Amino acid sequence: MDTDRAVEANEAIRAFMSLRAGRPLLPEEQEEYRHLLAAWAAAAHAVATEPGRHSDTTPLPPC
């Protein structure tokens, strides 16, 4: 289910960022973050465009 993918991607981003808290991301880390964010965005879009879904059920991006 796309909701599961969005939640998993969100959790991956949070875990990635928590390991790097308090410092800027290195260039290679920025690239990895962009990939994680793209995976989250694709999953969140799939959730938002599922038939019968309301947009307010789309998971929010990580902070």
PDB file of N, CA and C in Angstrom:
ATOM      1  N   MET A   1       0.845  -1.178   0.000  1.00  0.00           N
ATOM      2  CA  MET A   1       0.000   0.000   0.000  1.00  0.00           C
ATOM      3  C   MET A   1       0.892   1.243   0.000  1.00  0.00           C
ATOM      4  N   ASP A   2       0.453   2.266  -0.710  1.00  0.00           N
ATOM      5  CA  ASP A   2       1.251   3.488  -0.836  1.00  0.00           C
ATOM      6  C   ASP A   2       1.416   4.220   0.483  1.00  0.00           C
ATOM      7  N   THR A   3       0.427   4.132   1.354  1.00  0.00           N
ATOM      8  CA  THR A   3       0.550   4.775   2.664  1.00  0.00           C
ATOM      9  C   THR A   3       1.731   4.185   3.422  1.00  0.00           C
ATOM     10  N   ASP A   4       1.889   2.875   3.356  1.00  0.00           N
ATOM     11  CA  ASP A   4       3.021   2.221   4.019  1.00  0.00           C
ATOM     12  C   ASP A   4       4.350   2.719   3.458  1.00  0.00           C
ATOM     13  N   ARG A   5       4.408   2.884   2.138  1.00  0.00           N
ATOM     14  CA  ARG A   5       5.643   3.380   1.511  1.00  0.00           C
ATOM     15  C   ARG A   5       5.958   4.795   1.976  1.00  0.00           C
ATOM     16  N   ALA A   6       4.927   5.626   2.084  1.00  0.00           N
ATOM     17  CA  ALA A   6       5.135   7.005   2.534  1.00  0.00           C
ATOM     18  C   ALA A   6       5.617   7.034   3.979  1.00  0.00           C
ATOM     19  N   VAL A   7       5.022   6.209   4.820  1.00  0.00           N
ATOM     20  CA  VAL A   7       5.432   6.146   6.231  1.00  0.00           C
ATOM     21  C   VAL A   7       6.865   5.629   6.337  1.00  0.00           C
ATOM     22  N   GLU A   8       7.189   4.593   5.594  1.00  0.00           N
ATOM     23  CA  GLU A   8       8.548   4.039   5.623  1.00  0.00           C
ATOM     24  C   GLU A   8       9.573   5.062   5.135  1.00  0.00           C
ATOM     25  N   ALA A   9       9.231   5.783   4.075  1.00  0.00           N
ATOM     26  CA  ALA A   9      10.147   6.801   3.562  1.00  0.00           C
ATOM     27  C   ALA A   9      10.331   7.915   4.586  1.00  0.00           C
ATOM     28  N   ASN A  10       9.251   8.314   5.233  1.00  0.00           N
ATOM     29  CA  ASN A  10       9.321   9.341   6.260  1.00  0.00           C
ATOM     30  C   ASN A  10      10.223   8.878   7.403  1.00  0.00           C
ATOM     31  N   GLU A  11      10.059   7.645   7.838  1.00  0.00           N
ATOM     32  CA  GLU A  11      10.887   7.096   8.910  1.00  0.00           C
ATOM     33  C   GLU A  11      12.360   7.035   8.498  1.00  0.00           C
ATOM     34  N   ALA A  12      12.617   6.691   7.245  1.00  0.00           N
ATOM     35  CA  ALA A  12      13.997   6.640   6.754  1.00  0.00           C
ATOM     36  C   ALA A  12      14.629   8.027   6.780  1.00  0.00           C
ATOM     37  N   ILE A  13      13.862   9.034   6.396  1.00  0.00           N
ATOM     38  CA  ILE A  13      14.382  10.406   6.422  1.00  0.00           C
ATOM     39  C   ILE A  13      14.666  10.836   7.853  1.00  0.00           C
ATOM     40  N   ARG A  14      13.742  10.552   8.751  1.00  0.00           N
ATOM     41  CA  ARG A  14      13.944  10.935  10.156  1.00  0.00           C
ATOM     42  C   ARG A  14      15.177  10.243  10.751  1.00  0.00           C
ATOM     43  N   ALA A  15      15.350   8.967  10.455  1.00  0.00           N
ATOM     44  CA  ALA A  15      16.519   8.237  10.960  1.00  0.00           C
ATOM     45  C   ALA A  15      17.803   8.812  10.363  1.00  0.00           C
ATOM     46  N   PHE A  16      17.787   9.073   9.077  1.00  0.00           N
ATOM     47  CA  PHE A  16      18.942   9.645   8.384  1.00  0.00           C
ATOM     48  C   PHE A  16      19.329  10.974   9.021  1.00  0.00           C
ATOM     49  N   MET A  17      18.340  11.852   9.227  1.00  0.00           N
ATOM     50  CA  MET A  17      18.624  13.172   9.765  1.00  0.00           C
ATOM     51  C   MET A  17      19.009  13.125  11.244  1.00  0.00           C
ATOM     52  N   SER A  18      18.441  12.202  11.998  1.00  0.00           N
ATOM     53  CA  SER A  18      18.772  12.147  13.425  1.00  0.00           C
ATOM     54  C   SER A  18      20.238  11.767  13.635  1.00  0.00           C
ATOM     55  N   LEU A  19      20.796  10.989  12.726  1.00  0.00           N
ATOM     56  CA  LEU A  19      22.210  10.638  12.820  1.00  0.00           C
ATOM     57  C   LEU A  19      23.127  11.812  12.487  1.00  0.00           C
ATOM     58  N   ARG A  20      22.556  12.841  11.895  1.00  0.00           N
ATOM     59  CA  ARG A  20      23.343  13.995  11.455  1.00  0.00           C
ATOM     60  C   ARG A  20      22.889  15.284  12.140  1.00  0.00           C
ATOM     61  N   ALA A  21      22.193  15.157  13.240  1.00  0.00           N
ATOM     62  CA  ALA A  21      21.648  16.318  13.954  1.00  0.00           C
ATOM     63  C   ALA A  21      22.764  17.258  14.394  1.00  0.00           C
ATOM     64  N   GLY A  22      22.502  18.543  14.256  1.00  0.00           N
ATOM     65  CA  GLY A  22      23.435  19.547  14.755  1.00  0.00           C
ATOM     66  C   GLY A  22      24.551  19.928  13.822  1.00  0.00           C
ATOM     67  N   ARG A  23      24.512  19.417  12.606  1.00  0.00           N
ATOM     68  CA  ARG A  23      25.561  19.796  11.657  1.00  0.00           C
ATOM     69  C   ARG A  23      24.989  19.812  10.246  1.00  0.00           C
ATOM     70  N   PRO A  24      25.611  20.572   9.370  1.00  0.00           N
ATOM     71  CA  PRO A  24      25.143  20.578   7.982  1.00  0.00           C
ATOM     72  C   PRO A  24      25.451  19.234   7.310  1.00  0.00           C
ATOM     73  N   LEU A  25      24.652  18.903   6.336  1.00  0.00           N
ATOM     74  CA  LEU A  25      24.903  17.684   5.570  1.00  0.00           C
ATOM     75  C   LEU A  25      26.089  17.884   4.631  1.00  0.00           C
ATOM     76  N   LEU A  26      26.902  16.844   4.506  1.00  0.00           N
ATOM     77  CA  LEU A  26      27.976  16.844   3.529  1.00  0.00           C
ATOM     78  C   LEU A  26      27.370  16.715   2.139  1.00  0.00           C
ATOM     79  N   PRO A  27      28.091  17.083   1.086  1.00  0.00           N
ATOM     80  CA  PRO A  27      27.515  17.017  -0.266  1.00  0.00           C
ATOM     81  C   PRO A  27      26.945  15.635  -0.615  1.00  0.00           C
ATOM     82  N   GLU A  28      27.649  14.560  -0.262  1.00  0.00           N
ATOM     83  CA  GLU A  28      27.123  13.230  -0.586  1.00  0.00           C
ATOM     84  C   GLU A  28      25.885  12.902   0.261  1.00  0.00           C
ATOM     85  N   GLU A  29      25.827  13.455   1.464  1.00  0.00           N
ATOM     86  CA  GLU A  29      24.655  13.265   2.308  1.00  0.00           C
ATOM     87  C   GLU A  29      23.465  14.050   1.762  1.00  0.00           C
ATOM     88  N   GLN A  30      23.737  15.219   1.203  1.00  0.00           N
ATOM     89  CA  GLN A  30      22.671  16.007   0.580  1.00  0.00           C
ATOM     90  C   GLN A  30      22.044  15.227  -0.572  1.00  0.00           C
ATOM     91  N   GLU A  31      22.881  14.549  -1.331  1.00  0.00           N
ATOM     92  CA  GLU A  31      22.384  13.735  -2.446  1.00  0.00           C
ATOM     93  C   GLU A  31      21.514  12.592  -1.929  1.00  0.00           C
ATOM     94  N   GLU A  32      21.967  11.913  -0.891  1.00  0.00           N
ATOM     95  CA  GLU A  32      21.186  10.831  -0.295  1.00  0.00           C
ATOM     96  C   GLU A  32      19.860  11.362   0.238  1.00  0.00           C
ATOM     97  N   TYR A  33      19.891  12.528   0.887  1.00  0.00           N
ATOM     98  CA  TYR A  33      18.665  13.133   1.400  1.00  0.00           C
ATOM     99  C   TYR A  33      17.700  13.432   0.251  1.00  0.00           C
ATOM    100  N   ARG A  34      18.210  13.947  -0.860  1.00  0.00           N
ATOM    101  CA  ARG A  34      17.353  14.228  -2.019  1.00  0.00           C
ATOM    102  C   ARG A  34      16.684  12.948  -2.527  1.00  0.00           C
ATOM    103  N   HIS A  35      17.423  11.849  -2.534  1.00  0.00           N
ATOM    104  CA  HIS A  35      16.853  10.566  -2.975  1.00  0.00           C
ATOM    105  C   HIS A  35      15.765  10.103  -2.013  1.00  0.00           C
ATOM    106  N   LEU A  36      16.035  10.220  -0.720  1.00  0.00           N
ATOM    107  CA  LEU A  36      15.031   9.833   0.275  1.00  0.00           C
ATOM    108  C   LEU A  36      13.786  10.710   0.158  1.00  0.00           C
ATOM    109  N   LEU A  37      13.993  12.005  -0.011  1.00  0.00           N
ATOM    110  CA  LEU A  37      12.873  12.930  -0.136  1.00  0.00           C
ATOM    111  C   LEU A  37      12.063  12.652  -1.400  1.00  0.00           C
ATOM    112  N   ALA A  38      12.737  12.315  -2.494  1.00  0.00           N
ATOM    113  CA  ALA A  38      12.026  11.980  -3.731  1.00  0.00           C
ATOM    114  C   ALA A  38      11.185  10.723  -3.554  1.00  0.00           C
ATOM    115  N   ALA A  39      11.714   9.743  -2.838  1.00  0.00           N
ATOM    116  CA  ALA A  39      10.946   8.522  -2.574  1.00  0.00           C
ATOM    117  C   ALA A  39       9.718   8.838  -1.733  1.00  0.00           C
ATOM    118  N   TRP A  40       9.894   9.700  -0.725  1.00  0.00           N
ATOM    119  CA  TRP A  40       8.757  10.097   0.097  1.00  0.00           C
ATOM    120  C   TRP A  40       7.723  10.848  -0.746  1.00  0.00           C
ATOM    121  N   ALA A  41       8.182  11.789  -1.562  1.00  0.00           N
ATOM    122  CA  ALA A  41       7.266  12.592  -2.374  1.00  0.00           C
ATOM    123  C   ALA A  41       6.466  11.718  -3.336  1.00  0.00           C
ATOM    124  N   ALA A  42       7.113  10.752  -3.957  1.00  0.00           N
ATOM    125  CA  ALA A  42       6.418   9.850  -4.875  1.00  0.00           C
ATOM    126  C   ALA A  42       5.357   9.034  -4.136  1.00  0.00           C
ATOM    127  N   ALA A  43       5.712   8.535  -2.967  1.00  0.00           N
ATOM    128  CA  ALA A  43       4.760   7.742  -2.185  1.00  0.00           C
ATOM    129  C   ALA A  43       3.615   8.610  -1.689  1.00  0.00           C
ATOM    130  N   ALA A  44       3.920   9.811  -1.207  1.00  0.00           N
ATOM    131  CA  ALA A  44       2.872  10.708  -0.722  1.00  0.00           C
ATOM    132  C   ALA A  44       1.945  11.115  -1.854  1.00  0.00           C
ATOM    133  N   HIS A  45       2.501  11.343  -3.045  1.00  0.00           N
ATOM    134  CA  HIS A  45       1.673  11.686  -4.202  1.00  0.00           C
ATOM    135  C   HIS A  45       0.745  10.524  -4.560  1.00  0.00           C
ATOM    136  N   ALA A  46       1.287   9.320  -4.514  1.00  0.00           N
ATOM    137  CA  ALA A  46       0.463   8.142  -4.813  1.00  0.00           C
ATOM    138  C   ALA A  46      -0.688   8.018  -3.818  1.00  0.00           C
ATOM    139  N   VAL A  47      -0.404   8.309  -2.556  1.00  0.00           N
ATOM    140  CA  VAL A  47      -1.466   8.264  -1.537  1.00  0.00           C
ATOM    141  C   VAL A  47      -2.510   9.337  -1.835  1.00  0.00           C
ATOM    142  N   ALA A  48      -2.045  10.529  -2.140  1.00  0.00           N
ATOM    143  CA  ALA A  48      -2.958  11.651  -2.363  1.00  0.00           C
ATOM    144  C   ALA A  48      -3.838  11.460  -3.587  1.00  0.00           C
ATOM    145  N   THR A  49      -3.358  10.694  -4.553  1.00  0.00           N
ATOM    146  CA  THR A  49      -4.129  10.529  -5.788  1.00  0.00           C
ATOM    147  C   THR A  49      -4.879   9.202  -5.856  1.00  0.00           C
ATOM    148  N   GLU A  50      -4.851   8.429  -4.758  1.00  0.00           N
ATOM    149  CA  GLU A  50      -5.629   7.185  -4.734  1.00  0.00           C
ATOM    150  C   GLU A  50      -7.110   7.523  -4.812  1.00  0.00           C
ATOM    151  N   PRO A  51      -7.861   6.772  -5.594  1.00  0.00           N
ATOM    152  CA  PRO A  51      -9.305   7.014  -5.658  1.00  0.00           C
ATOM    153  C   PRO A  51      -9.936   6.887  -4.268  1.00  0.00           C
ATOM    154  N   GLY A  52     -10.813   7.824  -3.959  1.00  0.00           N
ATOM    155  CA  GLY A  52     -11.507   7.790  -2.679  1.00  0.00           C
ATOM    156  C   GLY A  52     -10.722   8.383  -1.522  1.00  0.00           C
ATOM    157  N   ARG A  53      -9.500   8.838  -1.764  1.00  0.00           N
ATOM    158  CA  ARG A  53      -8.673   9.430  -0.709  1.00  0.00           C
ATOM    159  C   ARG A  53      -8.928  10.923  -0.642  1.00  0.00           C
ATOM    160  N   HIS A  54      -8.872  11.464   0.556  1.00  0.00           N
ATOM    161  CA  HIS A  54      -8.927  12.909   0.748  1.00  0.00           C
ATOM    162  C   HIS A  54      -7.509  13.398   0.949  1.00  0.00           C
ATOM    163  N   SER A  55      -7.229  14.597   0.493  1.00  0.00           N
ATOM    164  CA  SER A  55      -5.866  15.116   0.571  1.00  0.00           C
ATOM    165  C   SER A  55      -5.378  15.275   2.006  1.00  0.00           C
ATOM    166  N   ASP A  56      -6.300  15.381   2.970  1.00  0.00           N
ATOM    167  CA  ASP A  56      -5.870  15.567   4.350  1.00  0.00           C
ATOM    168  C   ASP A  56      -5.328  14.285   4.982  1.00  0.00           C
ATOM    169  N   THR A  57      -5.344  13.160   4.245  1.00  0.00           N
ATOM    170  CA  THR A  57      -4.798  11.911   4.780  1.00  0.00           C
ATOM    171  C   THR A  57      -3.374  11.662   4.289  1.00  0.00           C
ATOM    172  N   THR A  58      -2.837  12.562   3.482  1.00  0.00           N
ATOM    173  CA  THR A  58      -1.484  12.416   2.986  1.00  0.00           C
ATOM    174  C   THR A  58      -0.497  12.673   4.109  1.00  0.00           C
ATOM    175  N   PRO A  59       0.466  11.766   4.335  1.00  0.00           N
ATOM    176  CA  PRO A  59       1.453  11.999   5.390  1.00  0.00           C
ATOM    177  C   PRO A  59       2.227  13.266   5.137  1.00  0.00           C
ATOM    178  N   LEU A  60       2.560  13.988   6.193  1.00  0.00           N
ATOM    179  CA  LEU A  60       3.321  15.219   6.076  1.00  0.00           C
ATOM    180  C   LEU A  60       4.799  14.912   5.907  1.00  0.00           C
ATOM    181  N   PRO A  61       5.540  15.803   5.219  1.00  0.00           N
ATOM    182  CA  PRO A  61       6.976  15.584   5.082  1.00  0.00           C
ATOM    183  C   PRO A  61       7.664  15.730   6.423  1.00  0.00           C
ATOM    184  N   PRO A  62       8.846  15.150   6.548  1.00  0.00           N
ATOM    185  CA  PRO A  62       9.578  15.278   7.805  1.00  0.00           C
ATOM    186  C   PRO A  62       9.993  16.712   8.057  1.00  0.00           C
ATOM    187  N   CYS A  63      10.166  17.056   9.294  1.00  0.00           N
ATOM    188  CA  CYS A  63      10.589  18.413   9.673  1.00  0.00           C
ATOM    189  C   CYS A  63      12.081  18.531   9.598  1.00  0.00           C
TER     190      CYS A  63
END
